[in-house]
Amino acid sequence: MFSYQEILQRVEQEISNLSFNTPPENLFAPITYILSLGGKRIRPALTLIACNIYDESIDSSIAPALCIEVFHNFTLLHDDLMDQADKRRNNPTVHKVWNENTAILSGDAMLITAYRLMAGSPSTHLKEMLDLFTVTALEICGGQQYDMDFESRTDVTEAEYLEMIRLKTAVLLACSLKLGAIAGGASANEADHLYQYGLHIGLAFQLQDDLLDVYGDTATFGKNIGGDILSNKKTFLLVYALKHGSPEQKNELYSWFENKTFDPAEKIAAFRRIYDDLRVNEVTTNQIEKFYDLAGQDLQQLNVSEDRLSVLKETADLLLNRIS
């Protein structure tokens, strides 16, 4: 089997081999740019790893893995535009380097490119893989819409929030794994268990991201602490606080929502104080552990030896910062 580092090297090699030299340059240059910004490459790595569980060769999973990575970066490009974000991985976003119209059109070209890459998947499984990818792409759009809808709501339930992050984040991880399993020749039952594993890991990952935004270390988190708080973004922590907080605590949160001029450090401290009083850190951690445990149960359903799952487990632990 390939090691995690060997998988990542193959992913980077294949991404570097993608060519976007067709005129006009201003349509394709942003695609090359955003793909060059790097990232963890977790999703294409998961596709190759899942394939390798069932097949010593990972060649059959290269096309869907590249499809997933191009599609993922397409969603980031359009997310940055919708959020009017200035930075992506410490570099200017596409709409800042070029302009908003170019970002929209180049994003569209990325989506089409993703489908073109998927068309290179093994012909014996192409329809199944294409159907899975299409459903996933639509689900992610649904998750993004829910996220946008939640911006103007203060009554979002925990169940609604979990469904939103399932669609926006978890389904792409699940899809990545199932595509790789299918390419590797796994049975339908095995592929489904890996899909469920991806869902549970994805939910745990997003909840941890929410938690780290408040309680993480900037140096290891890779983002400024409190960004979600400053933008009034609905996270699991905020949704929980708005449901379980006292009237006084809720009113304080509402007042911060309405306050357009504030000291960032003061706002972050105020939210964290309320979260501490409500023990939201503990509640969120328990949710993360629940989904992590469910993911472990999914793996137990697989009819493969433990050693063939070692790289997958390592990847999940890296994703969830369980390995330093």
Protein backbone atom coordinates (compact mmCIF):
# COMPACT_ATOMS: atom_id res chain seq x y z
CA MET A 1 0.00 0.00 0.00
CA PHE A 2 1.00 3.60 -0.53
CA SER A 3 1.86 5.75 2.47
CA TYR A 4 0.06 9.00 3.15
CA GLN A 5 3.06 11.00 1.95
CA GLU A 6 3.26 8.97 -1.25
CA ILE A 7 -0.43 9.61 -1.84
CA LEU A 8 0.03 13.36 -1.37
CA GLN A 9 3.02 13.39 -3.71
CA ARG A 10 0.97 11.65 -6.38
CA VAL A 11 -1.86 14.13 -5.92
CA GLU A 12 0.47 17.13 -6.26
CA GLN A 13 2.13 15.59 -9.30
CA GLU A 14 -1.18 15.00 -11.05
CA ILE A 15 -2.44 18.51 -10.22
CA SER A 16 0.77 20.04 -11.59
CA ASN A 17 0.23 18.08 -14.80
CA LEU A 18 -3.15 19.70 -15.40
CA SER A 19 -2.92 22.09 -18.31
CA PHE A 20 -5.01 25.22 -18.79
CA ASN A 21 -3.25 26.76 -21.78
CA THR A 22 -6.29 27.19 -24.01
CA PRO A 23 -7.05 30.82 -24.94
CA PRO A 24 -8.28 33.17 -23.66
CA GLU A 25 -5.63 33.38 -20.96
CA ASN A 26 -7.75 35.48 -18.57
CA LEU A 27 -10.33 32.69 -18.37
CA PHE A 28 -7.91 29.94 -17.40
CA ALA A 29 -5.14 31.81 -15.56
CA PRO A 30 -7.31 32.16 -12.41
CA ILE A 31 -7.81 28.37 -12.40
CA THR A 32 -4.07 27.76 -12.47
CA TYR A 33 -3.67 30.42 -9.79
CA ILE A 34 -6.15 29.02 -7.27
CA LEU A 35 -4.92 25.45 -7.74
CA SER A 36 -1.35 26.65 -7.16
CA LEU A 37 -2.24 28.03 -3.72
CA GLY A 38 -2.00 24.53 -2.29
CA GLY A 39 -4.04 23.36 0.67
CA LYS A 40 -4.20 20.03 2.42
CA ARG A 41 -5.46 18.16 -0.68
CA ILE A 42 -7.41 15.96 1.73
CA ARG A 43 -10.27 15.20 -0.64
CA PRO A 44 -8.29 13.86 -3.61
CA ALA A 45 -6.02 12.05 -1.15
CA LEU A 46 -9.06 10.30 0.34
CA THR A 47 -10.12 9.17 -3.15
CA LEU A 48 -6.72 7.59 -3.80
CA ILE A 49 -6.54 6.07 -0.31
CA ALA A 50 -10.00 4.50 -0.61
CA CYS A 51 -9.05 3.01 -3.97
CA ASN A 52 -5.82 1.64 -2.52
CA ILE A 53 -7.72 -0.21 0.19
CA TYR A 54 -9.14 -2.46 -2.53
CA ASP A 55 -6.56 -2.20 -5.34
CA GLU A 56 -2.76 -2.11 -5.24
CA SER A 57 -2.85 0.34 -8.16
CA ILE A 58 -4.45 3.76 -7.70
CA ASP A 59 -4.41 4.74 -11.37
CA SER A 60 -8.15 4.18 -11.80
CA SER A 61 -8.90 6.78 -9.11
CA ILE A 62 -6.74 9.61 -10.48
CA ALA A 63 -9.46 11.11 -12.71
CA PRO A 64 -12.16 11.30 -10.01
CA ALA A 65 -9.61 12.58 -7.49
CA LEU A 66 -8.65 15.44 -9.79
CA CYS A 67 -12.33 16.12 -10.46
CA ILE A 68 -12.96 16.44 -6.73
CA GLU A 69 -10.03 18.80 -6.18
CA VAL A 70 -10.93 21.07 -9.09
CA PHE A 71 -14.56 21.13 -7.97
CA HIS A 72 -13.58 21.87 -4.36
CA ASN A 73 -11.46 24.84 -5.46
CA PHE A 74 -14.31 26.03 -7.67
CA THR A 75 -16.53 26.20 -4.57
CA LEU A 76 -13.81 28.13 -2.72
CA LEU A 77 -13.48 30.60 -5.58
CA HIS A 78 -17.20 31.35 -5.58
CA ASP A 79 -17.40 31.31 -1.76
CA ASP A 80 -14.66 33.94 -1.61
CA LEU A 81 -16.60 36.08 -4.06
CA MET A 82 -19.88 35.74 -2.15
CA ASP A 83 -18.12 36.50 1.14
CA GLN A 84 -16.07 39.32 -0.44
CA ALA A 85 -13.00 37.71 1.11
CA ASP A 86 -9.65 39.37 0.45
CA LYS A 87 -7.41 36.38 1.24
CA ARG A 88 -7.30 32.67 0.52
CA ARG A 89 -4.39 30.73 2.04
CA ASN A 90 -2.64 34.03 2.75
CA ASN A 91 -2.83 35.10 -0.90
CA PRO A 92 -5.20 37.54 -2.63
CA THR A 93 -8.43 35.90 -3.77
CA VAL A 94 -9.20 35.49 -7.47
CA HIS A 95 -11.69 38.36 -7.61
CA LYS A 96 -9.06 40.64 -6.05
CA VAL A 97 -6.29 39.64 -8.48
CA TRP A 98 -8.63 39.89 -11.47
CA ASN A 99 -12.22 41.06 -10.95
CA GLU A 100 -15.62 39.72 -9.93
CA ASN A 101 -16.85 38.90 -13.44
CA THR A 102 -13.68 36.96 -14.22
CA ALA A 103 -14.04 35.05 -10.94
CA ILE A 104 -17.61 34.03 -11.85
CA LEU A 105 -16.68 32.92 -15.36
CA SER A 106 -13.47 31.14 -14.34
CA GLY A 107 -15.41 29.37 -11.60
CA ASP A 108 -17.92 28.20 -14.18
CA ALA A 109 -15.04 26.91 -16.31
CA MET A 110 -13.69 25.02 -13.28
CA LEU A 111 -17.02 23.28 -12.76
CA ILE A 112 -17.09 22.22 -16.41
CA THR A 113 -13.47 21.08 -16.12
CA ALA A 114 -14.38 18.96 -13.11
CA TYR A 115 -17.00 17.12 -15.16
CA ARG A 116 -14.51 16.67 -17.99
CA LEU A 117 -12.07 15.08 -15.54
CA MET A 118 -14.76 12.80 -14.15
CA ALA A 119 -15.40 11.59 -17.70
CA GLY A 120 -11.94 10.02 -17.55
CA SER A 121 -13.03 7.60 -14.82
CA PRO A 122 -13.18 3.84 -15.48
CA SER A 123 -15.90 3.29 -18.11
CA THR A 124 -17.36 0.31 -16.24
CA HIS A 125 -18.33 2.57 -13.32
CA LEU A 126 -18.63 5.94 -15.06
CA LYS A 127 -22.41 6.39 -14.75
CA GLU A 128 -22.43 5.42 -11.08
CA MET A 129 -19.55 7.78 -10.31
CA LEU A 130 -20.99 10.62 -12.38
CA ASP A 131 -24.38 10.26 -10.69
CA LEU A 132 -22.77 10.34 -7.24
CA PHE A 133 -20.73 13.42 -8.09
CA THR A 134 -23.73 15.26 -9.56
CA VAL A 135 -25.89 14.59 -6.50
CA THR A 136 -23.03 15.72 -4.26
CA ALA A 137 -22.50 18.94 -6.22
CA LEU A 138 -26.18 19.82 -5.89
CA GLU A 139 -26.14 18.99 -2.16
CA ILE A 140 -23.21 21.34 -1.64
CA CYS A 141 -25.15 24.13 -3.36
CA GLY A 142 -28.02 23.38 -0.97
CA GLY A 143 -25.68 23.58 2.00
CA GLN A 144 -24.36 26.93 0.82
CA GLN A 145 -27.92 28.25 0.46
CA TYR A 146 -28.80 27.11 3.99
CA ASP A 147 -25.67 28.84 5.27
CA MET A 148 -26.71 32.04 3.53
CA ASP A 149 -30.28 31.73 4.86
CA PHE A 150 -28.98 31.30 8.40
CA GLU A 151 -27.22 34.69 8.25
CA SER A 152 -30.52 36.49 8.84
CA ARG A 153 -31.93 34.03 11.38
CA THR A 154 -31.44 33.79 15.13
CA ASP A 155 -33.65 30.72 15.57
CA VAL A 156 -31.47 28.14 13.76
CA THR A 157 -31.73 24.79 15.54
CA GLU A 158 -28.84 22.43 16.22
CA ALA A 159 -30.43 19.87 13.88
CA GLU A 160 -30.69 22.46 11.11
CA TYR A 161 -27.08 23.46 11.61
CA LEU A 162 -25.85 19.86 11.48
CA GLU A 163 -27.81 19.31 8.28
CA MET A 164 -26.25 22.43 6.76
CA ILE A 165 -22.68 21.32 7.49
CA ARG A 166 -23.50 17.80 6.34
CA LEU A 167 -24.40 19.24 2.95
CA LYS A 168 -21.82 22.00 2.75
CA THR A 169 -18.79 20.08 4.06
CA ALA A 170 -19.32 16.41 4.88
CA VAL A 171 -20.86 15.11 1.65
CA LEU A 172 -17.79 16.02 -0.42
CA LEU A 173 -15.50 14.07 1.91
CA ALA A 174 -17.94 11.16 1.76
CA CYS A 175 -18.15 11.39 -2.03
CA SER A 176 -14.36 11.45 -2.31
CA LEU A 177 -14.10 8.18 -0.41
CA LYS A 178 -16.92 6.43 -2.22
CA LEU A 179 -15.58 7.41 -5.64
CA GLY A 180 -12.21 5.91 -4.73
CA ALA A 181 -13.80 2.75 -3.38
CA ILE A 182 -15.85 2.30 -6.56
CA ALA A 183 -12.77 2.86 -8.73
CA GLY A 184 -10.90 0.28 -6.66
CA GLY A 185 -13.56 -2.37 -7.19
CA ALA A 186 -15.20 -2.33 -3.75
CA SER A 187 -18.64 -3.86 -3.33
CA ALA A 188 -21.62 -1.53 -3.08
CA ASN A 189 -21.90 -2.33 0.62
CA GLU A 190 -18.25 -1.48 1.30
CA ALA A 191 -18.48 1.74 -0.71
CA ASP A 192 -21.57 2.78 1.25
CA HIS A 193 -19.83 2.19 4.59
CA LEU A 194 -16.92 4.36 3.46
CA TYR A 195 -19.41 7.03 2.42
CA GLN A 196 -20.95 7.01 5.90
CA TYR A 197 -17.47 7.16 7.39
CA GLY A 198 -16.78 10.27 5.32
CA LEU A 199 -20.01 11.90 6.49
CA HIS A 200 -19.18 11.35 10.15
CA ILE A 201 -15.57 12.49 9.78
CA GLY A 202 -16.78 15.53 7.86
CA LEU A 203 -19.25 16.50 10.59
CA ALA A 204 -16.57 16.08 13.25
CA PHE A 205 -14.15 18.16 11.17
CA GLN A 206 -16.54 21.10 10.73
CA LEU A 207 -17.53 21.11 14.39
CA GLN A 208 -13.86 21.15 15.33
CA ASP A 209 -13.31 24.04 12.93
CA ASP A 210 -16.10 25.91 14.72
CA LEU A 211 -14.48 25.16 18.07
CA LEU A 212 -10.98 26.18 16.99
CA ASP A 213 -12.26 29.53 15.76
CA VAL A 214 -12.91 30.38 19.40
CA TYR A 215 -10.49 28.24 21.39
CA GLY A 216 -7.71 27.46 18.91
CA ASP A 217 -4.17 28.75 18.55
CA THR A 218 -3.63 31.04 15.56
CA ALA A 219 -0.23 29.49 14.87
CA THR A 220 -1.64 25.97 14.49
CA PHE A 221 -5.17 26.83 13.34
CA GLY A 222 -3.92 28.71 10.28
CA LYS A 223 -6.56 31.44 10.61
CA ASN A 224 -7.16 34.35 12.94
CA ILE A 225 -9.09 33.36 16.05
CA GLY A 226 -12.58 34.81 16.31
CA GLY A 227 -13.21 35.35 12.61
CA ASP A 228 -16.62 33.66 12.80
CA ILE A 229 -17.56 35.76 15.81
CA LEU A 230 -16.64 39.04 14.14
CA SER A 231 -18.74 38.20 11.08
CA ASN A 232 -21.74 36.94 13.14
CA LYS A 233 -21.40 33.59 11.38
CA LYS A 234 -23.70 30.88 12.66
CA THR A 235 -21.56 28.12 14.14
CA PHE A 236 -22.54 25.23 16.37
CA LEU A 237 -21.31 27.22 19.37
CA LEU A 238 -23.43 30.26 18.55
CA VAL A 239 -26.51 28.20 17.67
CA TYR A 240 -26.21 26.40 21.03
CA ALA A 241 -25.74 29.66 22.94
CA LEU A 242 -28.78 31.26 21.29
CA LYS A 243 -30.90 28.29 22.30
CA HIS A 244 -29.62 27.60 25.81
CA GLY A 245 -28.47 31.02 26.97
CA SER A 246 -30.29 33.08 29.56
CA PRO A 247 -32.40 36.04 28.39
CA GLU A 248 -29.56 38.34 29.45
CA GLN A 249 -26.97 36.34 27.51
CA LYS A 250 -29.13 36.22 24.40
CA ASN A 251 -29.79 39.95 24.56
CA GLU A 252 -26.05 40.59 24.81
CA LEU A 253 -25.44 38.46 21.72
CA TYR A 254 -28.24 40.23 19.85
CA SER A 255 -26.75 43.62 20.72
CA TRP A 256 -23.39 42.58 19.30
CA PHE A 257 -25.12 41.45 16.08
CA GLU A 258 -26.61 44.93 15.64
CA ASN A 259 -23.48 46.84 16.62
CA LYS A 260 -21.62 47.81 13.45
CA THR A 261 -18.82 49.66 15.23
CA PHE A 262 -16.94 47.71 17.86
CA ASP A 263 -13.56 46.68 19.19
CA PRO A 264 -12.83 43.20 17.73
CA ALA A 265 -11.02 41.93 20.83
CA GLU A 266 -13.89 43.09 23.05
CA LYS A 267 -16.51 41.31 20.92
CA ILE A 268 -14.52 38.07 20.83
CA ALA A 269 -14.02 38.21 24.59
CA ALA A 270 -17.75 38.82 25.18
CA PHE A 271 -18.77 35.82 23.07
CA ARG A 272 -16.16 33.61 24.66
CA ARG A 273 -17.32 34.58 28.15
CA ILE A 274 -20.86 33.53 27.30
CA TYR A 275 -19.61 30.31 25.70
CA ASP A 276 -17.54 29.57 28.81
CA ASP A 277 -20.52 30.16 31.10
CA LEU A 278 -22.64 27.78 29.01
CA ARG A 279 -19.79 25.22 28.75
CA VAL A 280 -20.20 25.25 24.98
CA ASN A 281 -16.61 24.03 24.58
CA GLU A 282 -17.52 20.81 26.38
CA VAL A 283 -20.81 20.37 24.51
CA THR A 284 -19.13 20.81 21.13
CA THR A 285 -16.27 18.50 22.04
CA ASN A 286 -18.80 15.82 22.98
CA GLN A 287 -20.46 16.21 19.58
CA ILE A 288 -17.09 15.86 17.84
CA GLU A 289 -16.32 12.70 19.80
CA LYS A 290 -19.74 11.28 18.97
CA PHE A 291 -19.21 11.63 15.24
CA TYR A 292 -15.62 10.38 15.50
CA ASP A 293 -16.86 7.27 17.31
CA LEU A 294 -19.55 6.73 14.68
CA ALA A 295 -16.85 6.93 12.01
CA GLY A 296 -14.93 4.22 13.82
CA GLN A 297 -18.03 2.03 13.83
CA ASP A 298 -18.37 2.56 10.07
CA LEU A 299 -14.85 1.22 9.54
CA GLN A 300 -15.62 -1.84 11.65
CA GLN A 301 -18.24 -2.79 9.07
CA LEU A 302 -15.63 -3.10 6.32
CA ASN A 303 -14.50 -6.54 5.26
CA VAL A 304 -10.82 -5.61 5.01
CA SER A 305 -7.81 -6.14 7.25
CA GLU A 306 -6.79 -3.51 9.80
CA ASP A 307 -3.48 -2.82 8.08
CA ARG A 308 -5.28 -1.72 4.90
CA LEU A 309 -7.10 0.95 6.90
CA SER A 310 -4.03 2.43 8.59
CA VAL A 311 -3.43 5.22 6.05
CA LEU A 312 -7.12 6.19 6.07
CA LYS A 313 -7.12 6.41 9.87
CA GLU A 314 -3.92 8.45 9.80
CA THR A 315 -5.47 10.87 7.33
CA ALA A 316 -8.60 11.29 9.46
CA ASP A 317 -6.48 11.92 12.55
CA LEU A 318 -4.47 14.54 10.69
CA LEU A 319 -7.68 16.18 9.49
CA LEU A 320 -8.96 16.33 13.06
CA ASN A 321 -5.59 17.48 14.47
CA ARG A 322 -5.24 14.33 16.55
CA ILE A 323 -1.62 13.97 15.44
CA SER A 324 0.83 16.78 16.18
